[in-house]
Amino acid sequence: MAHSSFHLCSSLGRFCIQHRQLHLSVRRTEAVIISGRRLARQIQREAKVDVENWVADGNRRPHLSVVLVGDNPASHSYVKNKTKAAADVGITSETILKPASITEEEVLDLISKLNNDDKVDGLLVQLPLPEHLDERKICNAVSPAKDVDGFHVINVGRMCLDQKSMLPATPWGVWEIIKRTGIPTLGKNVVVAGRSKNVGMPIAMLLHTDGAHERPGGDATVTISHRYTPKDQLREHTKLADIVVAAAGIPKLITADMIKEGAAVIDVGINRIQDPVTGKPKLVGDVDFEEVKKKASFITPVPGGVGPMTVAMLMKNTIIAAKKLLKLREN
């Protein structure tokens, strides 16, 4: 279908009419690529102001302690990003390195000491841990008030009850991307691909819960898929979804034929693969980015999407922890 538009111009006192045909069949523009880095910088600027105001009121700077076990290169890279971000916003930090051979009892003893150290506001144990260490037991050993990862069972329970709690940084980062980008959630259909207790499940909780509760949610209708969801069934769900959050850890799990026109796509996946062209390792998400962006309205890239937001929300959690601990000490 074609529509006419007219452009009126004047030349030497005479008016001429230029006629153009605007063809509405032309392919619509590609998705807006959401810069997680830009949003993270915005949040870190907010955090820096918060820290400076906190210090100006006579309080010491918030302090983050990170326990890093073993020599996993990815974990070391993540921790480096976290401590750099802390320095950027005015939070002091330390990384406590321990060998992969450390016993569970030794890790629990270290956590106990940090829990009881009044100079430590935020505490996290970088995951994953070596196989001989019980991640759930170790996460639950961190004081809930210092649990900036939001993994302690008390913080998880409070989140599930729509109460204020320390939110897990990656799910909170996804929620902030959606809110700050202006993507509507109320009454919308959402598919979360992935049901991990640290990412998929909390994202689903934040998006489907009541926006009028103590910890406001997104009021969306959420479907969660997992490893036993048949691919054709997953496709039926995603084709109806206004928002698709991919958090399964499977490269190209979400392809263009699975997305409806105009859907928002948030890619939480971080997968290291070998580039078929260069032969070098590279990071990709769970979404076939190049093809999906032709149909989506919004999309996050990997890298540069959810990753930087995770670090930014961790800084916010450290500030929250410092303020909460001061109140506890005053009471």
Protein backbone atom coordinates (compact mmCIF):
# COMPACT_ATOMS: atom_id res chain seq x y z
CA MET A 1 0.00 0.00 0.00
CA ALA A 2 1.36 3.46 -0.88
CA HIS A 3 0.54 6.86 0.56
CA SER A 4 1.29 10.24 -0.97
CA SER A 5 3.08 13.08 0.77
CA PHE A 6 3.46 16.57 -0.61
CA HIS A 7 6.33 18.95 -0.06
CA LEU A 8 5.58 22.60 -0.73
CA CYS A 9 8.46 24.72 -1.95
CA SER A 10 8.77 28.17 -3.44
CA SER A 11 11.07 29.35 -6.15
CA LEU A 12 11.06 32.90 -7.62
CA GLY A 13 7.61 33.55 -6.15
CA ARG A 14 6.11 30.50 -7.74
CA PHE A 15 5.00 27.47 -5.76
CA CYS A 16 5.75 24.03 -6.93
CA ILE A 17 4.56 20.79 -5.49
CA GLN A 18 6.91 17.87 -5.21
CA HIS A 19 5.23 14.53 -5.02
CA ARG A 20 6.78 11.51 -3.37
CA GLN A 21 5.59 8.01 -2.85
CA LEU A 22 6.17 6.60 0.63
CA HIS A 23 6.04 2.84 0.51
CA LEU A 24 4.89 1.37 3.82
CA SER A 25 6.05 -2.06 2.76
CA VAL A 26 9.67 -1.08 3.41
CA ARG A 27 11.24 -3.22 6.18
CA ARG A 28 10.88 -1.52 9.55
CA THR A 29 13.98 -0.39 11.43
CA GLU A 30 15.97 -2.89 13.47
CA ALA A 31 15.79 -3.20 17.23
CA VAL A 32 17.15 -0.55 19.54
CA ILE A 33 20.32 -2.04 20.99
CA ILE A 34 20.22 -1.39 24.73
CA SER A 35 23.63 -0.35 26.03
CA GLY A 36 24.07 -2.01 29.40
CA ARG A 37 27.36 -0.15 29.72
CA ARG A 38 25.62 3.22 29.39
CA LEU A 39 22.91 2.29 31.90
CA ALA A 40 25.52 0.87 34.29
CA ARG A 41 27.51 4.12 34.13
CA GLN A 42 24.33 6.03 34.96
CA ILE A 43 23.66 3.78 37.99
CA GLN A 44 27.28 4.01 39.12
CA ARG A 45 27.10 7.81 38.94
CA GLU A 46 24.02 7.63 41.18
CA ALA A 47 25.88 5.29 43.53
CA LYS A 48 28.89 7.60 43.67
CA VAL A 49 26.70 10.54 44.69
CA ASP A 50 25.06 8.34 47.32
CA VAL A 51 28.47 7.32 48.72
CA GLU A 52 29.79 10.88 48.81
CA ASN A 53 26.66 12.09 50.63
CA TRP A 54 27.03 9.16 53.06
CA VAL A 55 30.66 10.08 53.77
CA ALA A 56 29.81 13.78 54.03
CA ASP A 57 27.38 12.87 56.83
CA GLY A 58 30.31 11.54 58.83
CA ASN A 59 30.14 7.85 57.92
CA ARG A 60 33.07 5.77 56.72
CA ARG A 61 33.12 4.55 53.15
CA PRO A 62 31.25 1.28 52.47
CA HIS A 63 33.57 -1.72 52.27
CA LEU A 64 33.17 -4.82 50.08
CA SER A 65 35.02 -8.08 50.77
CA VAL A 66 35.21 -10.66 47.98
CA VAL A 67 36.29 -14.26 48.62
CA LEU A 68 37.78 -15.83 45.48
CA VAL A 69 38.57 -19.56 45.60
CA GLY A 70 40.67 -21.26 42.93
CA ASP A 71 42.05 -20.04 39.60
CA ASN A 72 39.01 -19.94 37.30
CA PRO A 73 39.99 -17.23 34.73
CA ALA A 74 36.38 -16.06 34.27
CA SER A 75 35.90 -15.68 38.02
CA HIS A 76 39.12 -13.68 38.34
CA SER A 77 37.96 -11.41 35.49
CA TYR A 78 34.54 -10.87 37.09
CA VAL A 79 36.07 -10.05 40.47
CA LYS A 80 38.47 -7.57 38.86
CA ASN A 81 35.48 -5.81 37.26
CA LYS A 82 33.71 -5.66 40.62
CA THR A 83 36.64 -4.18 42.54
CA LYS A 84 37.29 -1.65 39.75
CA ALA A 85 33.64 -0.55 39.86
CA ALA A 86 33.86 -0.26 43.65
CA ALA A 87 36.85 2.08 43.34
CA ASP A 88 35.00 4.14 40.71
CA VAL A 89 32.03 4.80 43.03
CA GLY A 90 34.12 5.36 46.17
CA ILE A 91 33.62 1.96 47.84
CA THR A 92 36.70 0.36 49.37
CA SER A 93 37.21 -3.32 48.62
CA GLU A 94 39.47 -6.30 49.13
CA THR A 95 39.82 -9.61 47.32
CA ILE A 96 40.72 -12.56 49.53
CA LEU A 97 42.36 -15.24 47.36
CA LYS A 98 42.23 -18.86 48.49
CA PRO A 99 43.53 -22.00 46.74
CA ALA A 100 41.13 -24.50 45.18
CA SER A 101 42.32 -27.04 47.75
CA ILE A 102 40.80 -25.07 50.67
CA THR A 103 38.47 -27.12 52.86
CA GLU A 104 34.84 -26.26 53.41
CA GLU A 105 35.51 -25.76 57.11
CA GLU A 106 38.22 -23.21 56.30
CA VAL A 107 35.87 -21.28 53.96
CA LEU A 108 33.13 -21.25 56.60
CA ASP A 109 35.61 -20.06 59.23
CA LEU A 110 36.74 -17.21 56.94
CA ILE A 111 33.12 -16.18 56.28
CA SER A 112 32.41 -16.19 60.02
CA LYS A 113 35.33 -13.83 60.65
CA LEU A 114 34.17 -11.47 57.89
CA ASN A 115 30.58 -11.60 59.20
CA ASN A 116 31.86 -10.43 62.59
CA ASP A 117 34.16 -7.75 61.20
CA ASP A 118 32.47 -4.37 61.67
CA LYS A 119 34.62 -2.87 58.91
CA VAL A 120 33.03 -5.20 56.31
CA ASP A 121 29.66 -4.04 54.94
CA GLY A 122 29.26 -6.23 51.86
CA LEU A 123 30.49 -9.81 51.54
CA LEU A 124 30.35 -12.17 48.59
CA VAL A 125 31.88 -15.50 47.71
CA GLN A 126 32.52 -15.64 43.97
CA LEU A 127 30.75 -18.55 42.27
CA PRO A 128 31.24 -21.17 40.96
CA LEU A 129 33.21 -22.92 43.69
CA PRO A 130 35.32 -26.09 43.38
CA GLU A 131 33.14 -29.22 43.39
CA HIS A 132 34.07 -30.33 46.90
CA LEU A 133 32.54 -27.14 48.36
CA ASP A 134 28.77 -26.94 49.01
CA GLU A 135 27.69 -23.67 47.36
CA ARG A 136 24.33 -23.55 49.11
CA LYS A 137 25.88 -24.11 52.54
CA ILE A 138 28.50 -21.43 51.89
CA CYS A 139 25.99 -18.88 50.56
CA ASN A 140 23.83 -19.44 53.64
CA ALA A 141 26.85 -18.87 55.89
CA VAL A 142 27.13 -15.24 54.73
CA SER A 143 25.26 -12.85 57.06
CA PRO A 144 21.96 -11.88 55.36
CA ALA A 145 22.69 -8.22 56.17
CA LYS A 146 26.04 -8.42 54.30
CA ASP A 147 24.83 -10.72 51.51
CA VAL A 148 25.30 -8.38 48.54
CA ASP A 149 24.79 -11.28 46.08
CA GLY A 150 21.28 -11.82 47.49
CA PHE A 151 21.82 -15.60 47.64
CA HIS A 152 21.13 -16.24 51.34
CA VAL A 153 17.93 -18.22 51.88
CA ILE A 154 16.47 -15.38 54.00
CA ASN A 155 17.00 -12.82 51.22
CA VAL A 156 15.61 -15.23 48.63
CA GLY A 157 12.55 -15.87 50.82
CA ARG A 158 11.91 -12.17 51.39
CA MET A 159 12.19 -11.53 47.65
CA CYS A 160 9.65 -14.28 46.95
CA LEU A 161 7.27 -12.71 49.48
CA ASP A 162 7.58 -9.29 47.77
CA GLN A 163 9.38 -7.87 50.82
CA LYS A 164 12.37 -5.58 50.74
CA SER A 165 15.55 -7.61 50.57
CA MET A 166 19.01 -7.74 49.05
CA LEU A 167 18.12 -8.56 45.44
CA PRO A 168 20.45 -10.78 43.37
CA ALA A 169 22.51 -8.44 41.21
CA THR A 170 21.89 -9.99 37.77
CA PRO A 171 18.08 -10.28 38.08
CA TRP A 172 17.95 -6.77 39.54
CA GLY A 173 20.08 -5.59 36.62
CA VAL A 174 17.61 -7.13 34.15
CA TRP A 175 14.71 -5.46 35.97
CA GLU A 176 16.48 -2.09 35.88
CA ILE A 177 17.20 -2.46 32.14
CA ILE A 178 13.52 -3.07 31.50
CA LYS A 179 12.35 -0.19 33.70
CA ARG A 180 14.92 2.38 32.61
CA THR A 181 14.39 1.57 28.92
CA GLY A 182 10.64 2.10 29.35
CA ILE A 183 9.61 -1.42 28.28
CA PRO A 184 6.10 -1.99 29.67
CA THR A 185 5.48 -5.11 31.79
CA LEU A 186 2.01 -4.67 33.29
CA GLY A 187 -0.24 -7.35 31.80
CA LYS A 188 2.42 -8.36 29.25
CA ASN A 189 3.50 -11.88 28.37
CA VAL A 190 7.05 -12.77 29.38
CA VAL A 191 9.09 -15.90 28.78
CA VAL A 192 12.13 -16.56 30.98
CA ALA A 193 14.27 -19.28 29.43
CA GLY A 194 16.19 -20.77 32.34
CA ARG A 195 15.18 -21.63 35.90
CA SER A 196 18.43 -21.30 37.88
CA LYS A 197 17.93 -20.23 41.47
CA ASN A 198 20.39 -17.35 41.09
CA VAL A 199 19.15 -15.90 37.78
CA GLY A 200 16.08 -17.36 36.03
CA MET A 201 13.87 -17.85 39.06
CA PRO A 202 14.54 -14.40 40.61
CA ILE A 203 13.96 -12.68 37.24
CA ALA A 204 10.60 -14.42 36.97
CA MET A 205 9.74 -13.39 40.55
CA LEU A 206 10.57 -9.73 39.91
CA LEU A 207 8.59 -9.60 36.68
CA HIS A 208 5.39 -11.35 37.74
CA THR A 209 4.84 -10.01 41.26
CA ASP A 210 2.48 -7.23 42.35
CA GLY A 211 3.58 -3.70 41.55
CA ALA A 212 1.76 -2.39 44.64
CA HIS A 213 3.65 -4.55 47.15
CA GLU A 214 6.51 -3.57 49.47
CA ARG A 215 9.00 -4.73 46.84
CA PRO A 216 7.17 -3.77 43.64
CA GLY A 217 7.11 -6.26 40.77
CA GLY A 218 6.27 -6.02 37.08
CA ASP A 219 2.71 -7.43 37.05
CA ALA A 220 3.53 -9.53 33.98
CA THR A 221 2.31 -13.00 33.07
CA VAL A 222 5.49 -15.09 33.20
CA THR A 223 6.28 -18.48 31.68
CA ILE A 224 9.49 -20.23 32.76
CA SER A 225 11.13 -22.79 30.50
CA HIS A 226 13.99 -25.16 31.32
CA ARG A 227 16.12 -28.00 29.93
CA TYR A 228 13.13 -30.35 29.67
CA THR A 229 10.96 -27.90 27.75
CA PRO A 230 10.78 -29.23 24.16
CA LYS A 231 12.13 -26.72 21.65
CA ASP A 232 8.88 -26.63 19.66
CA GLN A 233 6.93 -25.95 22.85
CA LEU A 234 9.37 -23.19 23.84
CA ARG A 235 8.82 -21.65 20.40
CA GLU A 236 5.05 -21.60 20.93
CA HIS A 237 5.55 -19.66 24.17
CA THR A 238 8.16 -17.21 22.86
CA LYS A 239 6.08 -16.38 19.77
CA LEU A 240 3.40 -15.00 22.13
CA ALA A 241 5.85 -13.15 24.37
CA ASP A 242 6.17 -9.37 24.57
CA ILE A 243 9.44 -9.85 26.46
CA VAL A 244 11.87 -12.77 26.19
CA VAL A 245 14.60 -13.15 28.81
CA ALA A 246 17.20 -15.73 27.76
CA ALA A 247 19.15 -17.10 30.74
CA ALA A 248 19.84 -20.75 29.90
CA GLY A 249 23.52 -20.75 28.96
CA ILE A 250 22.89 -22.19 25.48
CA PRO A 251 24.26 -20.30 22.44
CA LYS A 252 21.59 -19.40 19.85
CA LEU A 253 18.80 -20.94 21.92
CA ILE A 254 16.54 -18.06 20.85
CA THR A 255 16.35 -17.64 17.09
CA ALA A 256 14.47 -15.16 14.90
CA ASP A 257 11.65 -17.60 14.05
CA MET A 258 10.84 -17.82 17.78
CA ILE A 259 10.28 -14.08 18.27
CA LYS A 260 7.23 -12.05 17.36
CA GLU A 261 7.65 -8.69 15.65
CA GLY A 262 8.36 -5.94 18.16
CA ALA A 263 9.23 -8.14 21.16
CA ALA A 264 11.88 -6.99 23.64
CA VAL A 265 14.73 -9.47 24.08
CA ILE A 266 17.04 -9.47 27.11
CA ASP A 267 20.04 -11.79 26.74
CA VAL A 268 21.55 -12.90 30.07
CA GLY A 269 23.61 -15.73 28.59
CA ILE A 270 27.41 -15.66 28.72
CA ASN A 271 28.91 -18.44 26.60
CA ARG A 272 32.51 -18.80 25.48
CA ILE A 273 32.71 -20.29 22.00
CA GLN A 274 35.30 -20.52 19.23
CA ASP A 275 34.74 -17.96 16.48
CA PRO A 276 34.21 -20.00 13.27
CA VAL A 277 35.93 -17.29 11.21
CA THR A 278 38.95 -16.32 13.31
CA GLY A 279 39.26 -19.49 15.38
CA LYS A 280 39.67 -17.32 18.49
CA PRO A 281 37.46 -17.62 21.60
CA LYS A 282 34.64 -15.11 21.89
CA LEU A 283 31.68 -14.32 24.13
CA VAL A 284 28.14 -14.84 22.89
CA GLY A 285 24.74 -14.88 24.57
CA ASP A 286 21.77 -17.24 24.28
CA VAL A 287 20.21 -15.23 21.44
CA ASP A 288 21.02 -15.28 17.72
CA PHE A 289 21.72 -11.55 17.95
CA GLU A 290 22.18 -10.62 14.28
CA GLU A 291 18.94 -12.25 13.14
CA VAL A 292 16.75 -11.53 16.18
CA LYS A 293 17.56 -7.82 16.14
CA LYS A 294 15.80 -7.59 12.76
CA LYS A 295 12.46 -8.49 14.42
CA ALA A 296 12.76 -7.27 18.00
CA SER A 297 11.98 -3.75 19.24
CA PHE A 298 14.73 -3.81 21.89
CA ILE A 299 17.65 -6.18 22.40
CA THR A 300 20.67 -6.40 24.69
CA PRO A 301 24.07 -7.36 23.26
CA VAL A 302 26.63 -9.80 24.68
CA PRO A 303 29.01 -8.54 25.85
CA GLY A 304 27.96 -5.06 26.97
CA GLY A 305 24.37 -5.78 27.98
CA VAL A 306 23.39 -7.41 31.25
CA GLY A 307 26.99 -8.00 32.46
CA PRO A 308 27.86 -4.37 33.32
CA MET A 309 24.46 -3.99 35.01
CA THR A 310 25.22 -6.92 37.33
CA VAL A 311 28.31 -5.10 38.59
CA ALA A 312 26.44 -1.80 38.97
CA MET A 313 23.66 -3.38 41.04
CA LEU A 314 26.27 -5.03 43.25
CA MET A 315 27.56 -1.54 44.09
CA LYS A 316 24.02 -0.44 45.00
CA ASN A 317 23.66 -3.50 47.24
CA THR A 318 26.93 -2.68 49.04
CA ILE A 319 25.65 0.82 49.86
CA ILE A 320 22.33 -0.63 51.05
CA ALA A 321 24.24 -3.08 53.27
CA ALA A 322 26.36 -0.30 54.81
CA LYS A 323 23.26 1.73 55.70
CA LYS A 324 21.41 -1.30 57.04
CA LEU A 325 24.34 -2.38 59.22
CA LEU A 326 24.66 1.11 60.72
CA LYS A 327 20.98 1.00 61.71
CA LEU A 328 21.44 -2.44 63.26
CA ARG A 329 24.41 -1.23 65.28
CA GLU A 330 22.54 1.88 66.45
CA ASN A 331 19.61 -0.25 67.63
